[in-house]
Protein backbone atom coordinates (compact mmCIF):
# COMPACT_ATOMS: atom_id res chain seq x y z
CA ARG A 1 115.61 82.42 69.20
CA ALA A 2 117.58 81.19 72.23
CA LEU A 3 116.67 77.97 74.47
CA VAL A 4 117.95 77.80 77.55
CA GLY A 5 116.62 74.90 80.00
CA SER A 6 112.91 75.24 79.89
CA GLU A 7 112.90 78.80 79.09
CA MET A 8 112.81 80.45 75.57
CA CYS A 9 113.65 83.98 74.56
CA ILE A 10 112.75 85.33 71.30
CA ARG A 11 114.15 88.59 70.07
CA ASP A 12 113.04 90.56 67.20
CA SER A 13 113.15 94.04 66.09
CA ASN A 14 114.36 95.08 69.46
CA LYS A 15 111.47 93.46 71.28
CA SER A 16 111.73 90.37 73.51
CA ILE A 17 109.16 87.68 74.64
CA LEU A 18 110.07 85.44 77.37
CA VAL A 19 108.75 82.12 77.79
CA THR A 20 108.96 79.69 80.79
CA THR A 21 107.44 76.67 81.96
CA ASP A 22 106.07 78.09 85.18
CA LEU A 23 105.40 81.56 87.15
CA ARG A 24 108.42 80.51 89.21
CA ASP A 25 110.71 80.44 86.60
CA ALA A 26 109.62 83.67 85.23
CA VAL A 27 110.02 85.41 88.81
CA ASN A 28 113.41 84.09 89.28
CA ILE A 29 114.93 85.04 85.78
CA LEU A 30 113.16 88.52 85.98
CA THR A 31 113.47 89.29 89.49
CA PRO A 32 110.76 91.81 89.88
CA LYS A 33 110.54 94.32 92.73
CA ASN A 34 106.96 93.32 93.28
CA VAL A 35 104.68 90.31 91.95
CA TYR A 36 101.25 91.14 91.72
CA LEU A 37 98.80 88.23 90.92
CA VAL A 38 95.70 89.88 89.83
CA THR A 39 92.42 87.99 90.12
CA SER A 40 88.52 88.77 90.06
CA HIS A 41 88.03 86.35 92.80
CA TYR A 42 87.86 87.45 96.51
CA GLU A 43 91.46 85.82 97.29
CA GLY A 44 93.52 88.72 98.46
CA GLU A 45 93.15 92.32 99.20
CA CYS A 46 90.48 93.50 97.56
CA VAL A 47 90.83 96.93 95.63
CA THR A 48 89.36 98.90 92.79
CA LEU A 49 91.18 99.20 89.63
CA ASN A 50 92.09 102.90 90.23
CA GLU A 51 93.63 101.75 93.52
CA PHE A 52 95.51 99.20 92.14
CA LEU A 53 96.88 101.44 89.18
CA ASN A 54 97.86 104.10 91.73
CA ARG A 55 100.29 101.96 93.28
CA ASP A 56 104.35 102.46 92.29
CA LEU A 57 104.39 99.61 89.64
CA ASN A 58 107.91 100.35 88.66
CA GLU A 59 109.93 97.14 88.44
CA SER A 60 106.76 94.92 89.02
CA MET A 61 105.42 91.95 87.59
CA ILE A 62 101.38 92.01 86.95
CA VAL A 63 100.31 88.32 86.54
CA PHE A 64 96.98 87.07 85.43
CA SER A 65 95.88 83.54 85.82
CA GLY A 66 95.43 81.67 82.54
CA GLN A 67 92.61 79.75 83.89
CA ASP A 68 89.14 80.93 84.98
CA VAL A 69 89.56 79.17 88.47
CA GLY A 70 92.68 81.36 89.38
CA PHE A 71 96.05 80.58 90.69
CA ARG A 72 97.49 77.44 92.17
CA ARG A 73 98.38 77.28 95.67
CA ALA A 74 102.21 77.17 94.43
CA GLU A 75 101.40 80.58 92.42
CA LEU A 76 99.89 82.17 95.40
CA ALA A 77 103.03 82.00 97.53
CA LEU A 78 105.05 83.95 94.82
CA GLY A 79 103.48 87.46 95.19
CA GLU A 80 100.68 89.46 96.53
CA VAL A 81 97.17 88.58 95.66
CA VAL A 82 95.17 91.48 94.38
CA SER A 83 91.45 91.21 94.05
CA LEU A 84 89.90 93.38 91.65
CA GLY A 85 86.68 92.43 93.62
CA LEU A 86 84.42 94.67 91.66
CA ASP A 87 81.14 92.97 90.68
CA GLU A 88 81.48 93.87 86.86
CA PHE A 89 84.95 91.88 86.85
CA LYS A 90 83.47 88.40 88.69
CA ALA A 91 82.01 87.51 85.38
CA LEU A 92 85.05 88.23 83.14
CA PRO A 93 87.69 85.75 82.16
CA PRO A 94 91.29 86.57 83.07
CA LEU A 95 92.33 87.60 79.63
CA SER A 96 89.68 90.37 79.55
CA ILE A 97 90.53 91.46 82.87
CA ALA A 98 94.22 91.68 81.66
CA THR A 99 93.07 93.91 78.68
CA ILE A 100 91.42 96.24 80.76
CA VAL A 101 94.38 96.69 83.10
CA PHE A 102 97.09 97.12 80.42
CA TYR A 103 94.70 99.38 78.48
CA GLU A 104 94.32 101.89 81.48
CA LEU A 105 98.20 101.62 82.19
CA CYS A 106 98.73 102.50 78.72
CA ARG A 107 96.22 105.39 79.04
CA ARG A 108 98.09 106.40 81.94
CA PHE A 109 101.52 106.46 80.76
CA LYS A 110 100.52 108.61 77.74
CA GLU A 111 99.00 111.36 79.85
CA LYS A 112 101.99 111.74 82.18
CA PRO A 113 104.24 114.78 81.31
């Protein structure tokens, strides 16, 4: 375990977990090519799950709000807001949406030759 300022990095068995105090720190440390702020609220570009997953997501950070109310104003400025604005997603909390998105991402990676 290593503490660097307000960040904490845990490495074990060739896997790492990075914990930061806020999204800005994570973006500054990881320097992704794209940052997608995924929400079920109609806040940004409205796309289907398939449209979102068909994007080039290499070197991208996919972020889900930890609160049902969505992202704070300061967080919205850090990336592109992508609204999975389907009616079936509106009633789901962010953790459920994250689970669906990551399940589909893993499934697609397994299907690629």
